[in-house]
């Protein structure tokens, strides 16, 4: 799937985050959005995901058959993970994953029970997510994105709150499940974008 940014710009009140952003993310490409804290990496990723609207310009999505996908339908094609995203903390892990994957298909050969075992949370599967540590929650956020059968994967600082074991899990999942997907990572940590062959410095688009 191809994502095209057409003269994208974003402002918060009078403050310009970025502007005149023209870029095409090719299907199957691996991209890292780099920049200092506050440079707009996370904002740009949310604009690409359709979570935020740009102040100017447009985002176009095209599938492998050349068909345009509307912004209201792109959610079904994107796996998204960010530190600030909300989990339904009143639900148990079993309940949350069952609910989430009622909207998005699982990758072939993957089951909810298998995900819970893979992320190492079998003993906590019946506990409310609100009782989880920050690292456990981050593994859940990664799982709901990576194990969804979507052609696009958008990751904002994906190793936030993870210990070294969690970072190793992330590395293994990307290597195993990311090979055919368009992946965009917003990060300044090379461990998070080790697989990306294209880097984009957001400050270049001020």
C-alpha atoms as a PDB file:
ATOM      1  CA  UNK A   1       0.000   0.000   0.000  1.00  0.00           C
ATOM      2  CA  UNK A   2       1.237   3.483  -0.913  1.00  0.00           C
ATOM      3  CA  UNK A   3       0.773   6.602   1.230  1.00  0.00           C
ATOM      4  CA  UNK A   4       1.210   9.999  -0.423  1.00  0.00           C
ATOM      5  CA  UNK A   5       1.550  13.261   1.497  1.00  0.00           C
ATOM      6  CA  UNK A   6       0.477  16.197  -0.634  1.00  0.00           C
ATOM      7  CA  UNK A   7       1.864  19.506   0.706  1.00  0.00           C
ATOM      8  CA  UNK A   8       1.030  18.522   4.277  1.00  0.00           C
ATOM      9  CA  UNK A   9       1.319  21.136   7.008  1.00  0.00           C
ATOM     10  CA  UNK A  10       0.332  21.220  10.671  1.00  0.00           C
ATOM     11  CA  UNK A  11      -0.056  24.111  13.077  1.00  0.00           C
ATOM     12  CA  UNK A  12      -1.185  24.366  16.674  1.00  0.00           C
ATOM     13  CA  UNK A  13      -2.610  27.863  16.971  1.00  0.00           C
ATOM     14  CA  UNK A  14       0.244  30.071  15.706  1.00  0.00           C
ATOM     15  CA  UNK A  15       2.971  27.473  16.145  1.00  0.00           C
ATOM     16  CA  UNK A  16       4.078  25.723  12.966  1.00  0.00           C
ATOM     17  CA  UNK A  17       4.936  22.063  13.539  1.00  0.00           C
ATOM     18  CA  UNK A  18       5.890  21.249   9.950  1.00  0.00           C
ATOM     19  CA  UNK A  19       4.894  22.369   6.489  1.00  0.00           C
ATOM     20  CA  UNK A  20       5.244  21.778   2.740  1.00  0.00           C
ATOM     21  CA  UNK A  21       5.632  18.068   3.359  1.00  0.00           C
ATOM     22  CA  UNK A  22       5.501  16.185   0.074  1.00  0.00           C
ATOM     23  CA  UNK A  23       6.451  12.528   0.235  1.00  0.00           C
ATOM     24  CA  UNK A  24       5.394   9.093  -1.000  1.00  0.00           C
ATOM     25  CA  UNK A  25       5.778   6.056   1.235  1.00  0.00           C
ATOM     26  CA  UNK A  26       6.015   3.097  -1.113  1.00  0.00           C
ATOM     27  CA  UNK A  27       4.317  -0.213  -0.400  1.00  0.00           C
ATOM     28  CA  UNK A  28       6.542  -2.541   1.588  1.00  0.00           C
ATOM     29  CA  UNK A  29       8.988   0.235   2.477  1.00  0.00           C
ATOM     30  CA  UNK A  30      10.519   0.744   5.912  1.00  0.00           C
ATOM     31  CA  UNK A  31      10.810   4.347   7.049  1.00  0.00           C
ATOM     32  CA  UNK A  32      12.064   6.102  10.175  1.00  0.00           C
ATOM     33  CA  UNK A  33      10.806   9.568  11.113  1.00  0.00           C
ATOM     34  CA  UNK A  34      13.628  11.222  13.028  1.00  0.00           C
ATOM     35  CA  UNK A  35      13.903  14.523  14.874  1.00  0.00           C
ATOM     36  CA  UNK A  36      14.501  16.145  18.224  1.00  0.00           C
ATOM     37  CA  UNK A  37      11.887  16.103  20.967  1.00  0.00           C
ATOM     38  CA  UNK A  38       8.996  18.335  19.941  1.00  0.00           C
ATOM     39  CA  UNK A  39       9.945  18.275  16.272  1.00  0.00           C
ATOM     40  CA  UNK A  40       6.593  16.814  15.223  1.00  0.00           C
ATOM     41  CA  UNK A  41       7.410  13.133  14.656  1.00  0.00           C
ATOM     42  CA  UNK A  42       4.418  11.856  16.629  1.00  0.00           C
ATOM     43  CA  UNK A  43       2.099  14.468  15.152  1.00  0.00           C
ATOM     44  CA  UNK A  44       3.135  13.522  11.631  1.00  0.00           C
ATOM     45  CA  UNK A  45       2.560   9.843  12.370  1.00  0.00           C
ATOM     46  CA  UNK A  46      -0.948  10.599  13.666  1.00  0.00           C
ATOM     47  CA  UNK A  47      -1.685  12.624  10.522  1.00  0.00           C
ATOM     48  CA  UNK A  48      -0.535   9.692   8.381  1.00  0.00           C
ATOM     49  CA  UNK A  49      -2.764   7.380  10.432  1.00  0.00           C
ATOM     50  CA  UNK A  50      -5.781   9.649   9.945  1.00  0.00           C
ATOM     51  CA  UNK A  51      -6.030  10.253  13.696  1.00  0.00           C
ATOM     52  CA  UNK A  52      -5.338  13.973  13.269  1.00  0.00           C
ATOM     53  CA  UNK A  53      -6.194  16.171  10.308  1.00  0.00           C
ATOM     54  CA  UNK A  54      -3.514  18.330   8.703  1.00  0.00           C
ATOM     55  CA  UNK A  55      -3.847  22.111   8.802  1.00  0.00           C
ATOM     56  CA  UNK A  56      -3.282  22.063   5.062  1.00  0.00           C
ATOM     57  CA  UNK A  57      -2.703  19.515   2.345  1.00  0.00           C
ATOM     58  CA  UNK A  58      -3.989  15.967   2.078  1.00  0.00           C
ATOM     59  CA  UNK A  59      -3.023  12.334   2.582  1.00  0.00           C
ATOM     60  CA  UNK A  60      -3.836   9.786  -0.129  1.00  0.00           C
ATOM     61  CA  UNK A  61      -3.864   6.007   0.315  1.00  0.00           C
ATOM     62  CA  UNK A  62      -3.599   3.613  -2.623  1.00  0.00           C
ATOM     63  CA  UNK A  63      -3.773  -0.163  -2.444  1.00  0.00           C
ATOM     64  CA  UNK A  64      -1.661  -2.572  -4.495  1.00  0.00           C
ATOM     65  CA  UNK A  65      -4.316  -2.664  -7.210  1.00  0.00           C
ATOM     66  CA  UNK A  66      -4.124   1.107  -7.634  1.00  0.00           C
ATOM     67  CA  UNK A  67      -7.462   1.738  -5.944  1.00  0.00           C
ATOM     68  CA  UNK A  68      -7.826   4.787  -3.698  1.00  0.00           C
ATOM     69  CA  UNK A  69      -8.875   4.125  -0.107  1.00  0.00           C
ATOM     70  CA  UNK A  70     -10.881   6.848   1.591  1.00  0.00           C
ATOM     71  CA  UNK A  71      -9.695   8.386   4.843  1.00  0.00           C
ATOM     72  CA  UNK A  72     -12.766   7.033   6.641  1.00  0.00           C
ATOM     73  CA  UNK A  73     -11.821   3.465   5.700  1.00  0.00           C
ATOM     74  CA  UNK A  74      -8.057   3.576   6.253  1.00  0.00           C
ATOM     75  CA  UNK A  75      -8.404   2.450   9.892  1.00  0.00           C
ATOM     76  CA  UNK A  76      -9.004  -1.096   8.689  1.00  0.00           C
ATOM     77  CA  UNK A  77      -5.649  -1.112   6.902  1.00  0.00           C
ATOM     78  CA  UNK A  78      -3.435   0.286   9.682  1.00  0.00           C
ATOM     79  CA  UNK A  79      -1.875  -1.175  12.800  1.00  0.00           C
ATOM     80  CA  UNK A  80      -0.983   1.712  15.140  1.00  0.00           C
ATOM     81  CA  UNK A  81       0.978   1.819  18.392  1.00  0.00           C
ATOM     82  CA  UNK A  82       1.974   4.879  20.420  1.00  0.00           C
ATOM     83  CA  UNK A  83       2.837   5.497  24.094  1.00  0.00           C
ATOM     84  CA  UNK A  84      -0.134   7.813  24.589  1.00  0.00           C
ATOM     85  CA  UNK A  85      -2.778   5.566  23.049  1.00  0.00           C
ATOM     86  CA  UNK A  86      -5.499   4.428  25.407  1.00  0.00           C
ATOM     87  CA  UNK A  87      -6.240   0.858  26.367  1.00  0.00           C
ATOM     88  CA  UNK A  88      -9.591  -0.144  27.835  1.00  0.00           C
ATOM     89  CA  UNK A  89      -8.178  -0.737  31.285  1.00  0.00           C
ATOM     90  CA  UNK A  90     -11.391  -2.138  32.776  1.00  0.00           C
ATOM     91  CA  UNK A  91     -11.144  -5.133  30.434  1.00  0.00           C
ATOM     92  CA  UNK A  92      -8.984  -8.175  30.991  1.00  0.00           C
ATOM     93  CA  UNK A  93      -6.350  -8.949  28.358  1.00  0.00           C
ATOM     94  CA  UNK A  94      -8.524 -11.733  26.962  1.00  0.00           C
ATOM     95  CA  UNK A  95     -11.493  -9.378  26.704  1.00  0.00           C
ATOM     96  CA  UNK A  96      -9.493  -6.532  25.199  1.00  0.00           C
ATOM     97  CA  UNK A  97      -7.870  -8.627  22.487  1.00  0.00           C
ATOM     98  CA  UNK A  98     -11.164 -10.341  21.635  1.00  0.00           C
ATOM     99  CA  UNK A  99     -12.808  -6.924  21.311  1.00  0.00           C
ATOM    100  CA  UNK A 100      -9.947  -5.434  19.259  1.00  0.00           C
ATOM    101  CA  UNK A 101      -9.732  -8.328  16.832  1.00  0.00           C
ATOM    102  CA  UNK A 102     -13.466  -8.243  16.231  1.00  0.00           C
ATOM    103  CA  UNK A 103     -12.653  -5.130  14.140  1.00  0.00           C
ATOM    104  CA  UNK A 104      -9.383  -6.244  12.536  1.00  0.00           C
ATOM    105  CA  UNK A 105      -8.362  -9.710  11.344  1.00  0.00           C
ATOM    106  CA  UNK A 106      -5.499 -11.591  12.945  1.00  0.00           C
ATOM    107  CA  UNK A 107      -2.435 -12.495  10.943  1.00  0.00           C
ATOM    108  CA  UNK A 108      -2.716 -15.978   9.403  1.00  0.00           C
ATOM    109  CA  UNK A 109      -1.927 -18.706  11.902  1.00  0.00           C
ATOM    110  CA  UNK A 110      -2.182 -16.343  14.887  1.00  0.00           C
ATOM    111  CA  UNK A 111      -4.724 -16.786  17.690  1.00  0.00           C
ATOM    112  CA  UNK A 112      -5.556 -14.648  20.696  1.00  0.00           C
ATOM    113  CA  UNK A 113      -4.354 -17.396  23.004  1.00  0.00           C
ATOM    114  CA  UNK A 114      -1.140 -17.555  21.014  1.00  0.00           C
ATOM    115  CA  UNK A 115      -0.629 -13.790  21.300  1.00  0.00           C
ATOM    116  CA  UNK A 116      -1.075 -13.880  25.064  1.00  0.00           C
ATOM    117  CA  UNK A 117       1.496 -16.651  25.356  1.00  0.00           C
ATOM    118  CA  UNK A 118       3.901 -14.937  22.955  1.00  0.00           C
ATOM    119  CA  UNK A 119       3.899 -11.635  24.859  1.00  0.00           C
ATOM    120  CA  UNK A 120       4.440 -13.500  28.124  1.00  0.00           C
ATOM    121  CA  UNK A 121       1.233 -12.472  29.865  1.00  0.00           C
ATOM    122  CA  UNK A 122      -0.547 -15.808  30.283  1.00  0.00           C
ATOM    123  CA  UNK A 123      -0.523 -15.494  34.075  1.00  0.00           C
ATOM    124  CA  UNK A 124      -2.118 -12.034  33.858  1.00  0.00           C
ATOM    125  CA  UNK A 125      -4.629 -12.718  31.082  1.00  0.00           C
ATOM    126  CA  UNK A 126      -7.618 -12.619  33.451  1.00  0.00           C
ATOM    127  CA  UNK A 127      -6.549  -9.435  35.258  1.00  0.00           C
ATOM    128  CA  UNK A 128      -7.853  -5.982  34.305  1.00  0.00           C
ATOM    129  CA  UNK A 129      -5.308  -4.194  32.121  1.00  0.00           C
ATOM    130  CA  UNK A 130      -5.453  -1.281  34.565  1.00  0.00           C
ATOM    131  CA  UNK A 131      -3.474  -3.455  37.000  1.00  0.00           C
ATOM    132  CA  UNK A 132      -0.631  -3.968  34.509  1.00  0.00           C
ATOM    133  CA  UNK A 133       2.763  -2.271  34.736  1.00  0.00           C
ATOM    134  CA  UNK A 134       3.727   0.264  32.062  1.00  0.00           C
ATOM    135  CA  UNK A 135       5.922  -2.335  30.357  1.00  0.00           C
ATOM    136  CA  UNK A 136       3.127  -4.898  30.275  1.00  0.00           C
ATOM    137  CA  UNK A 137       0.762  -2.323  28.776  1.00  0.00           C
ATOM    138  CA  UNK A 138       3.316  -1.490  26.097  1.00  0.00           C
ATOM    139  CA  UNK A 139       3.523  -5.155  25.095  1.00  0.00           C
ATOM    140  CA  UNK A 140      -0.269  -5.168  24.730  1.00  0.00           C
ATOM    141  CA  UNK A 141      -0.141  -2.027  22.573  1.00  0.00           C
ATOM    142  CA  UNK A 142       2.486  -3.587  20.340  1.00  0.00           C
ATOM    143  CA  UNK A 143       0.562  -6.856  20.088  1.00  0.00           C
ATOM    144  CA  UNK A 144      -2.703  -5.261  18.997  1.00  0.00           C
ATOM    145  CA  UNK A 145      -0.825  -3.488  16.185  1.00  0.00           C
ATOM    146  CA  UNK A 146       1.722  -6.050  15.011  1.00  0.00           C
ATOM    147  CA  UNK A 147      -0.525  -9.126  15.104  1.00  0.00           C
ATOM    148  CA  UNK A 148      -3.332  -7.471  13.144  1.00  0.00           C
ATOM    149  CA  UNK A 149      -3.381  -8.428   9.462  1.00  0.00           C
ATOM    150  CA  UNK A 150      -2.876  -4.911   8.088  1.00  0.00           C
ATOM    151  CA  UNK A 151      -0.609  -3.772   5.222  1.00  0.00           C
ATOM    152  CA  UNK A 152       0.509  -0.651   7.129  1.00  0.00           C
ATOM    153  CA  UNK A 153       2.217  -0.563  10.523  1.00  0.00           C
ATOM    154  CA  UNK A 154       2.752   2.805  12.248  1.00  0.00           C
ATOM    155  CA  UNK A 155       4.882   2.744  15.394  1.00  0.00           C
ATOM    156  CA  UNK A 156       5.612   5.703  17.678  1.00  0.00           C
ATOM    157  CA  UNK A 157       8.553   5.023  20.033  1.00  0.00           C
ATOM    158  CA  UNK A 158       7.586   1.325  20.158  1.00  0.00           C
ATOM    159  CA  UNK A 159      10.082   0.304  22.861  1.00  0.00           C
ATOM    160  CA  UNK A 160       8.850   2.849  25.412  1.00  0.00           C
ATOM    161  CA  UNK A 161       8.799   1.280  28.913  1.00  0.00           C
ATOM    162  CA  UNK A 162      10.164  -2.048  27.672  1.00  0.00           C
ATOM    163  CA  UNK A 163      13.019  -3.865  29.407  1.00  0.00           C
ATOM    164  CA  UNK A 164      15.685  -5.611  27.330  1.00  0.00           C
ATOM    165  CA  UNK A 165      13.573  -8.758  27.054  1.00  0.00           C
ATOM    166  CA  UNK A 166      10.713  -6.675  25.678  1.00  0.00           C
ATOM    167  CA  UNK A 167      13.049  -4.980  23.188  1.00  0.00           C
ATOM    168  CA  UNK A 168      14.236  -8.402  22.056  1.00  0.00           C
ATOM    169  CA  UNK A 169      10.622  -9.492  21.583  1.00  0.00           C
ATOM    170  CA  UNK A 170       9.918  -6.387  19.494  1.00  0.00           C
ATOM    171  CA  UNK A 171      12.954  -7.109  17.314  1.00  0.00           C
ATOM    172  CA  UNK A 172      11.830 -10.694  16.747  1.00  0.00           C
ATOM    173  CA  UNK A 173       8.251  -9.684  15.896  1.00  0.00           C
ATOM    174  CA  UNK A 174       9.383  -7.094  13.356  1.00  0.00           C
ATOM    175  CA  UNK A 175      11.705  -9.605  11.711  1.00  0.00           C
ATOM    176  CA  UNK A 176       9.014 -12.281  11.600  1.00  0.00           C
ATOM    177  CA  UNK A 177       5.856 -10.298  10.817  1.00  0.00           C
ATOM    178  CA  UNK A 178       7.011  -7.085   9.165  1.00  0.00           C
ATOM    179  CA  UNK A 179       8.664  -8.196   5.955  1.00  0.00           C
ATOM    180  CA  UNK A 180       5.826  -7.411   3.517  1.00  0.00           C
ATOM    181  CA  UNK A 181       4.290  -4.405   5.267  1.00  0.00           C
ATOM    182  CA  UNK A 182       4.730  -0.674   4.888  1.00  0.00           C
ATOM    183  CA  UNK A 183       6.254   0.320   8.239  1.00  0.00           C
ATOM    184  CA  UNK A 184       6.831   3.861   9.513  1.00  0.00           C
ATOM    185  CA  UNK A 185       8.534   4.364  12.879  1.00  0.00           C
ATOM    186  CA  UNK A 186       8.747   7.685  14.742  1.00  0.00           C
ATOM    187  CA  UNK A 187      11.798   7.431  16.969  1.00  0.00           C
ATOM    188  CA  UNK A 188      15.254   8.608  17.962  1.00  0.00           C
ATOM    189  CA  UNK A 189      16.291   5.184  19.257  1.00  0.00           C
ATOM    190  CA  UNK A 190      18.111   3.014  16.675  1.00  0.00           C
ATOM    191  CA  UNK A 191      16.846  -0.131  18.427  1.00  0.00           C
ATOM    192  CA  UNK A 192      13.347   0.858  17.330  1.00  0.00           C
ATOM    193  CA  UNK A 193      14.095   1.512  13.661  1.00  0.00           C
ATOM    194  CA  UNK A 194      17.002  -0.897  13.100  1.00  0.00           C
ATOM    195  CA  UNK A 195      15.265  -2.403  10.070  1.00  0.00           C
ATOM    196  CA  UNK A 196      14.424   0.870   8.302  1.00  0.00           C
ATOM    197  CA  UNK A 197      16.297   1.617   5.086  1.00  0.00           C
ATOM    198  CA  UNK A 198      14.986   5.183   4.682  1.00  0.00           C
ATOM    199  CA  UNK A 199      15.220   7.980   7.243  1.00  0.00           C
ATOM    200  CA  UNK A 200      13.298  11.257   7.140  1.00  0.00           C
ATOM    201  CA  UNK A 201      14.302  14.164   9.367  1.00  0.00           C
ATOM    202  CA  UNK A 202      11.118  16.035  10.281  1.00  0.00           C
ATOM    203  CA  UNK A 203      13.000  19.312  10.941  1.00  0.00           C
ATOM    204  CA  UNK A 204      13.813  19.434   7.215  1.00  0.00           C
ATOM    205  CA  UNK A 205      10.135  20.263   6.637  1.00  0.00           C
ATOM    206  CA  UNK A 206       9.782  23.250   8.974  1.00  0.00           C
END
